[in-house]
Amino acid sequence: MKIRSQDVDPRRTVGSRARRLTRWLAAGVVPAAVLALSTPAHAGVLVFSNGFEGSQLDKWDHLTGDDARAGFEVNTATAHWGQNNGWLYARQGWAREGTWAALNGISWKSTCAARIYVWPQNGVQFALRVWDANGNKLGETVPWLNANSSYQAVDTPAWSPRGNTNVFVEAVISSYDGTSRTVRIDDLAVQCTTDA
């Protein structure tokens, strides 16, 4: 996998990531589906986030099939924010990286959405999926992403956690036509409404 060199921005720290996430929430950049499903009893937004930084990196696992590969880039100036990110590659197979997201304080009436930032190096069908511990799919989006020179946000539609306080979120790509496909991923966030 070819890694591009970029100047390292000293402002890209874990602290600035937290400030940016706070601004994101304060600005109401919550998926429209979540806002549309919120009730008047809405008490707030819970956030789970993992940006591959520090001990967060250890929370991710990766699986591949056939010739695909997956891994992490640490201190390579390729992250969306911070210093680290994940990557997926497939030419004749599939690759995925995923992590468990703790959703404490939610109820059966909660609605959630997941967001991850993706930098497609070439055109690729990308999947962002959310599962419960029993293997039931709770949410999914599968957009086609064109090659881009920077990260873009990919959001799932609103989904119900169905009382689960721990869900598995995964990013997946595949290619079976011999075309090499690569994406970088970073800054996963899960947001849920709560009841008053």
C-alpha atoms as a PDB file:
ATOM      1  CA  MET A   1       0.000   0.000   0.000  1.00  0.00           C
ATOM      2  CA  LYS A   2       1.459   3.318  -1.035  1.00  0.00           C
ATOM      3  CA  ILE A   3       1.487   5.937   1.735  1.00  0.00           C
ATOM      4  CA  ARG A   4       1.392   9.603   0.848  1.00  0.00           C
ATOM      5  CA  SER A   5       3.653  12.004   2.679  1.00  0.00           C
ATOM      6  CA  GLN A   6       1.995  15.038   4.190  1.00  0.00           C
ATOM      7  CA  ASP A   7       3.168  17.724   6.560  1.00  0.00           C
ATOM      8  CA  VAL A   8       2.257  16.904  10.138  1.00  0.00           C
ATOM      9  CA  ASP A   9      -0.061  19.506  11.645  1.00  0.00           C
ATOM     10  CA  PRO A  10       0.943  20.054  15.303  1.00  0.00           C
ATOM     11  CA  ARG A  11      -2.662  21.056  16.040  1.00  0.00           C
ATOM     12  CA  ARG A  12      -3.774  17.474  15.365  1.00  0.00           C
ATOM     13  CA  THR A  13      -3.728  16.181  18.927  1.00  0.00           C
ATOM     14  CA  VAL A  14      -6.087  14.070  20.985  1.00  0.00           C
ATOM     15  CA  GLY A  15      -7.151  17.237  22.838  1.00  0.00           C
ATOM     16  CA  SER A  16      -7.999  19.025  19.612  1.00  0.00           C
ATOM     17  CA  ARG A  17      -9.890  15.921  18.456  1.00  0.00           C
ATOM     18  CA  ALA A  18     -12.046  16.152  21.604  1.00  0.00           C
ATOM     19  CA  ARG A  19     -12.667  19.862  20.999  1.00  0.00           C
ATOM     20  CA  ARG A  20     -13.599  19.166  17.386  1.00  0.00           C
ATOM     21  CA  LEU A  21     -16.006  16.379  18.416  1.00  0.00           C
ATOM     22  CA  THR A  22     -17.558  18.738  20.967  1.00  0.00           C
ATOM     23  CA  ARG A  23     -18.014  21.413  18.267  1.00  0.00           C
ATOM     24  CA  TRP A  24     -19.499  18.765  15.965  1.00  0.00           C
ATOM     25  CA  LEU A  25     -22.072  17.850  18.598  1.00  0.00           C
ATOM     26  CA  ALA A  26     -22.731  21.445  19.630  1.00  0.00           C
ATOM     27  CA  ALA A  27     -23.340  22.410  16.023  1.00  0.00           C
ATOM     28  CA  GLY A  28     -25.975  19.712  15.813  1.00  0.00           C
ATOM     29  CA  VAL A  29     -24.226  17.735  13.124  1.00  0.00           C
ATOM     30  CA  VAL A  30     -26.257  14.681  14.055  1.00  0.00           C
ATOM     31  CA  PRO A  31     -27.589  12.564  11.213  1.00  0.00           C
ATOM     32  CA  ALA A  32     -30.947  13.952  10.146  1.00  0.00           C
ATOM     33  CA  ALA A  33     -32.615  10.592  10.658  1.00  0.00           C
ATOM     34  CA  VAL A  34     -31.695  10.628  14.344  1.00  0.00           C
ATOM     35  CA  LEU A  35     -33.077  14.128  14.795  1.00  0.00           C
ATOM     36  CA  ALA A  36     -36.259  13.235  12.926  1.00  0.00           C
ATOM     37  CA  LEU A  37     -36.844  10.272  15.215  1.00  0.00           C
ATOM     38  CA  SER A  38     -36.136  12.172  18.436  1.00  0.00           C
ATOM     39  CA  THR A  39     -39.082  12.711  20.746  1.00  0.00           C
ATOM     40  CA  PRO A  40     -39.892  15.782  22.865  1.00  0.00           C
ATOM     41  CA  ALA A  41     -38.562  13.785  25.830  1.00  0.00           C
ATOM     42  CA  HIS A  42     -35.103  13.896  24.248  1.00  0.00           C
ATOM     43  CA  ALA A  43     -32.592  14.453  27.042  1.00  0.00           C
ATOM     44  CA  GLY A  44     -29.271  14.412  25.230  1.00  0.00           C
ATOM     45  CA  VAL A  45     -26.841  12.634  22.953  1.00  0.00           C
ATOM     46  CA  LEU A  46     -24.492   9.917  24.123  1.00  0.00           C
ATOM     47  CA  VAL A  47     -21.331   9.503  22.101  1.00  0.00           C
ATOM     48  CA  PHE A  48     -18.953   6.586  21.718  1.00  0.00           C
ATOM     49  CA  SER A  49     -15.829   7.426  19.762  1.00  0.00           C
ATOM     50  CA  ASN A  50     -12.682   5.645  18.678  1.00  0.00           C
ATOM     51  CA  GLY A  51     -10.101   7.331  16.484  1.00  0.00           C
ATOM     52  CA  PHE A  52      -7.320   4.694  16.595  1.00  0.00           C
ATOM     53  CA  GLU A  53      -5.383   6.860  19.066  1.00  0.00           C
ATOM     54  CA  GLY A  54      -3.399   5.454  22.011  1.00  0.00           C
ATOM     55  CA  SER A  55      -5.083   2.483  23.684  1.00  0.00           C
ATOM     56  CA  GLN A  56      -8.075   2.875  21.316  1.00  0.00           C
ATOM     57  CA  LEU A  57      -5.959   1.188  18.637  1.00  0.00           C
ATOM     58  CA  ASP A  58      -5.993  -2.045  20.653  1.00  0.00           C
ATOM     59  CA  LYS A  59      -9.806  -2.112  20.568  1.00  0.00           C
ATOM     60  CA  TRP A  60      -9.926  -2.659  16.790  1.00  0.00           C
ATOM     61  CA  ASP A  61      -9.666  -6.054  15.174  1.00  0.00           C
ATOM     62  CA  HIS A  62      -9.338  -6.909  11.512  1.00  0.00           C
ATOM     63  CA  LEU A  63     -10.263  -9.908   9.409  1.00  0.00           C
ATOM     64  CA  THR A  64      -9.602 -10.587   5.744  1.00  0.00           C
ATOM     65  CA  GLY A  65     -10.488 -13.130   3.113  1.00  0.00           C
ATOM     66  CA  ASP A  66      -8.514 -14.269   0.062  1.00  0.00           C
ATOM     67  CA  ASP A  67      -5.830 -11.714  -0.937  1.00  0.00           C
ATOM     68  CA  ALA A  68      -7.199  -8.786   1.111  1.00  0.00           C
ATOM     69  CA  ARG A  69      -5.264  -7.020   3.867  1.00  0.00           C
ATOM     70  CA  ALA A  70      -6.077  -4.656   6.720  1.00  0.00           C
ATOM     71  CA  GLY A  71      -3.985  -2.773   9.230  1.00  0.00           C
ATOM     72  CA  PHE A  72      -3.138   0.465  10.959  1.00  0.00           C
ATOM     73  CA  GLU A  73      -1.012   3.477  10.078  1.00  0.00           C
ATOM     74  CA  VAL A  74       0.689   4.977  13.124  1.00  0.00           C
ATOM     75  CA  ASN A  75       2.293   8.419  12.996  1.00  0.00           C
ATOM     76  CA  THR A  76       2.296   8.537   9.180  1.00  0.00           C
ATOM     77  CA  ALA A  77       0.377  11.836   8.752  1.00  0.00           C
ATOM     78  CA  THR A  78      -2.470   9.992   6.991  1.00  0.00           C
ATOM     79  CA  ALA A  79      -5.056  10.252   9.799  1.00  0.00           C
ATOM     80  CA  HIS A  80      -8.244  12.273   9.507  1.00  0.00           C
ATOM     81  CA  TRP A  81      -7.481  13.707  12.931  1.00  0.00           C
ATOM     82  CA  GLY A  82      -4.776  12.760  15.402  1.00  0.00           C
ATOM     83  CA  GLN A  83      -1.866  10.507  14.467  1.00  0.00           C
ATOM     84  CA  ASN A  84      -3.311   7.061  13.648  1.00  0.00           C
ATOM     85  CA  ASN A  85      -5.865   5.501  11.306  1.00  0.00           C
ATOM     86  CA  GLY A  86      -6.918   2.147   9.914  1.00  0.00           C
ATOM     87  CA  TRP A  87      -6.775   0.949   6.298  1.00  0.00           C
ATOM     88  CA  LEU A  88      -8.412  -1.780   4.200  1.00  0.00           C
ATOM     89  CA  TYR A  89      -7.222  -3.266   0.906  1.00  0.00           C
ATOM     90  CA  ALA A  90      -8.799  -5.851  -1.418  1.00  0.00           C
ATOM     91  CA  ARG A  91      -8.143  -6.983  -4.980  1.00  0.00           C
ATOM     92  CA  GLN A  92      -9.623 -10.473  -4.969  1.00  0.00           C
ATOM     93  CA  GLY A  93     -11.300 -10.746  -1.557  1.00  0.00           C
ATOM     94  CA  TRP A  94     -12.689  -8.747   1.377  1.00  0.00           C
ATOM     95  CA  ALA A  95     -11.307  -6.848   4.362  1.00  0.00           C
ATOM     96  CA  ARG A  96     -12.902  -5.481   7.500  1.00  0.00           C
ATOM     97  CA  GLU A  97     -11.976  -3.657  10.695  1.00  0.00           C
ATOM     98  CA  GLY A  98     -14.351  -3.417  13.616  1.00  0.00           C
ATOM     99  CA  THR A  99     -14.681  -2.506  17.273  1.00  0.00           C
ATOM    100  CA  TRP A 100     -17.187  -2.823  20.106  1.00  0.00           C
ATOM    101  CA  ALA A 101     -19.010   0.381  21.049  1.00  0.00           C
ATOM    102  CA  ALA A 102     -20.351   0.753  24.606  1.00  0.00           C
ATOM    103  CA  LEU A 103     -23.711   2.560  24.611  1.00  0.00           C
ATOM    104  CA  ASN A 104     -24.363   3.038  28.293  1.00  0.00           C
ATOM    105  CA  GLY A 105     -27.447   4.936  29.450  1.00  0.00           C
ATOM    106  CA  ILE A 106     -29.687   4.212  26.471  1.00  0.00           C
ATOM    107  CA  SER A 107     -33.213   2.815  26.535  1.00  0.00           C
ATOM    108  CA  TRP A 108     -35.476   0.833  24.234  1.00  0.00           C
ATOM    109  CA  LYS A 109     -36.805   4.153  22.877  1.00  0.00           C
ATOM    110  CA  SER A 110     -33.351   5.406  21.917  1.00  0.00           C
ATOM    111  CA  THR A 111     -32.263   5.823  18.310  1.00  0.00           C
ATOM    112  CA  CYS A 112     -28.656   5.766  17.216  1.00  0.00           C
ATOM    113  CA  ALA A 113     -26.478   6.409  14.180  1.00  0.00           C
ATOM    114  CA  ALA A 114     -22.841   5.613  13.446  1.00  0.00           C
ATOM    115  CA  ARG A 115     -20.363   7.784  11.542  1.00  0.00           C
ATOM    116  CA  ILE A 116     -16.865   7.040  10.290  1.00  0.00           C
ATOM    117  CA  TYR A 117     -14.519   9.061   8.120  1.00  0.00           C
ATOM    118  CA  VAL A 118     -13.322   7.306   4.964  1.00  0.00           C
ATOM    119  CA  TRP A 119     -10.600   8.238   2.480  1.00  0.00           C
ATOM    120  CA  PRO A 120     -11.091   6.139  -0.676  1.00  0.00           C
ATOM    121  CA  GLN A 121      -7.908   5.799  -2.706  1.00  0.00           C
ATOM    122  CA  ASN A 122      -9.971   4.533  -5.662  1.00  0.00           C
ATOM    123  CA  GLY A 123     -13.644   3.798  -6.372  1.00  0.00           C
ATOM    124  CA  VAL A 124     -15.013   1.274  -3.886  1.00  0.00           C
ATOM    125  CA  GLN A 125     -18.234  -0.126  -2.457  1.00  0.00           C
ATOM    126  CA  PHE A 126     -17.882   0.628   1.268  1.00  0.00           C
ATOM    127  CA  ALA A 127     -20.048  -0.814   4.049  1.00  0.00           C
ATOM    128  CA  LEU A 128     -20.531   0.524   7.575  1.00  0.00           C
ATOM    129  CA  ARG A 129     -22.493  -2.011   9.641  1.00  0.00           C
ATOM    130  CA  VAL A 130     -23.692  -2.260  13.243  1.00  0.00           C
ATOM    131  CA  TRP A 131     -24.414  -5.622  14.943  1.00  0.00           C
ATOM    132  CA  ASP A 132     -25.633  -6.758  18.345  1.00  0.00           C
ATOM    133  CA  ALA A 133     -23.809  -9.440  20.343  1.00  0.00           C
ATOM    134  CA  ASN A 134     -26.091 -12.151  18.889  1.00  0.00           C
ATOM    135  CA  GLY A 135     -25.170 -11.326  15.287  1.00  0.00           C
ATOM    136  CA  ASN A 136     -28.343  -9.374  14.465  1.00  0.00           C
ATOM    137  CA  LYS A 137     -27.751  -6.459  12.110  1.00  0.00           C
ATOM    138  CA  LEU A 138     -29.001  -3.219  13.683  1.00  0.00           C
ATOM    139  CA  GLY A 139     -27.917  -0.712  11.044  1.00  0.00           C
ATOM    140  CA  GLU A 140     -26.086  -0.452   7.741  1.00  0.00           C
ATOM    141  CA  THR A 141     -25.131   1.832   4.907  1.00  0.00           C
ATOM    142  CA  VAL A 142     -23.366   0.658   1.730  1.00  0.00           C
ATOM    143  CA  PRO A 143     -22.460   3.658  -0.430  1.00  0.00           C
ATOM    144  CA  TRP A 144     -20.246   3.680  -3.514  1.00  0.00           C
ATOM    145  CA  LEU A 145     -17.314   6.008  -2.800  1.00  0.00           C
ATOM    146  CA  ASN A 146     -15.293   7.601  -5.583  1.00  0.00           C
ATOM    147  CA  ALA A 147     -11.566   8.198  -5.243  1.00  0.00           C
ATOM    148  CA  ASN A 148     -10.959  11.336  -3.242  1.00  0.00           C
ATOM    149  CA  SER A 149      -8.048  13.423  -2.040  1.00  0.00           C
ATOM    150  CA  SER A 150      -9.353  13.587   1.539  1.00  0.00           C
ATOM    151  CA  TYR A 151     -11.613  11.971   4.106  1.00  0.00           C
ATOM    152  CA  GLN A 152     -15.403  12.089   3.853  1.00  0.00           C
ATOM    153  CA  ALA A 153     -18.043  11.219   6.455  1.00  0.00           C
ATOM    154  CA  VAL A 154     -20.133   8.065   6.006  1.00  0.00           C
ATOM    155  CA  ASP A 155     -23.236   7.828   8.232  1.00  0.00           C
ATOM    156  CA  THR A 156     -25.655   4.991   8.858  1.00  0.00           C
ATOM    157  CA  PRO A 157     -29.370   5.729   8.867  1.00  0.00           C
ATOM    158  CA  ALA A 158     -30.940   5.768  12.340  1.00  0.00           C
ATOM    159  CA  TRP A 159     -31.230   2.385  14.024  1.00  0.00           C
ATOM    160  CA  SER A 160     -32.549   1.092  17.327  1.00  0.00           C
ATOM    161  CA  PRO A 161     -30.099  -0.491  19.746  1.00  0.00           C
ATOM    162  CA  ARG A 162     -33.004  -2.691  20.937  1.00  0.00           C
ATOM    163  CA  GLY A 163     -31.801  -2.461  24.510  1.00  0.00           C
ATOM    164  CA  ASN A 164     -28.217  -3.470  23.676  1.00  0.00           C
ATOM    165  CA  THR A 165     -25.590  -1.474  25.535  1.00  0.00           C
ATOM    166  CA  ASN A 166     -22.720  -2.907  23.510  1.00  0.00           C
ATOM    167  CA  VAL A 167     -22.747  -3.071  19.696  1.00  0.00           C
ATOM    168  CA  PHE A 168     -20.138  -4.068  17.133  1.00  0.00           C
ATOM    169  CA  VAL A 169     -19.379  -1.527  14.390  1.00  0.00           C
ATOM    170  CA  GLU A 170     -17.435  -2.601  11.317  1.00  0.00           C
ATOM    171  CA  ALA A 171     -16.067  -1.056   8.128  1.00  0.00           C
ATOM    172  CA  VAL A 172     -15.903  -3.459   5.156  1.00  0.00           C
ATOM    173  CA  ILE A 173     -14.701  -3.399   1.551  1.00  0.00           C
ATOM    174  CA  SER A 174     -14.427  -6.111  -1.095  1.00  0.00           C
ATOM    175  CA  SER A 175     -13.228  -6.582  -4.654  1.00  0.00           C
ATOM    176  CA  TYR A 176     -13.597  -9.677  -6.801  1.00  0.00           C
ATOM    177  CA  ASP A 177     -12.821  -8.308 -10.263  1.00  0.00           C
ATOM    178  CA  GLY A 178      -9.051  -7.977  -9.831  1.00  0.00           C
ATOM    179  CA  THR A 179      -9.224  -4.212  -9.263  1.00  0.00           C
ATOM    180  CA  SER A 180      -7.153  -3.045  -6.301  1.00  0.00           C
ATOM    181  CA  ARG A 181      -9.301  -1.067  -3.846  1.00  0.00           C
ATOM    182  CA  THR A 182      -8.014   0.747  -0.758  1.00  0.00           C
ATOM    183  CA  VAL A 183      -9.582   2.977   1.884  1.00  0.00           C
ATOM    184  CA  ARG A 184      -8.306   4.654   5.007  1.00  0.00           C
ATOM    185  CA  ILE A 185     -10.731   4.905   7.935  1.00  0.00           C
ATOM    186  CA  ASP A 186     -10.694   7.065  11.059  1.00  0.00           C
ATOM    187  CA  ASP A 187     -12.767   8.719  13.788  1.00  0.00           C
ATOM    188  CA  LEU A 188     -15.672   6.370  14.442  1.00  0.00           C
ATOM    189  CA  ALA A 189     -18.513   7.883  16.465  1.00  0.00           C
ATOM    190  CA  VAL A 190     -21.866   6.469  17.592  1.00  0.00           C
ATOM    191  CA  GLN A 191     -24.548   8.893  18.772  1.00  0.00           C
ATOM    192  CA  CYS A 192     -27.782   7.967  20.538  1.00  0.00           C
ATOM    193  CA  THR A 193     -30.763   9.913  21.805  1.00  0.00           C
ATOM    194  CA  THR A 194     -31.823   9.290  25.390  1.00  0.00           C
ATOM    195  CA  ASP A 195     -35.166   9.648  27.133  1.00  0.00           C
ATOM    196  CA  ALA A 196     -35.760  12.139  29.932  1.00  0.00           C
END
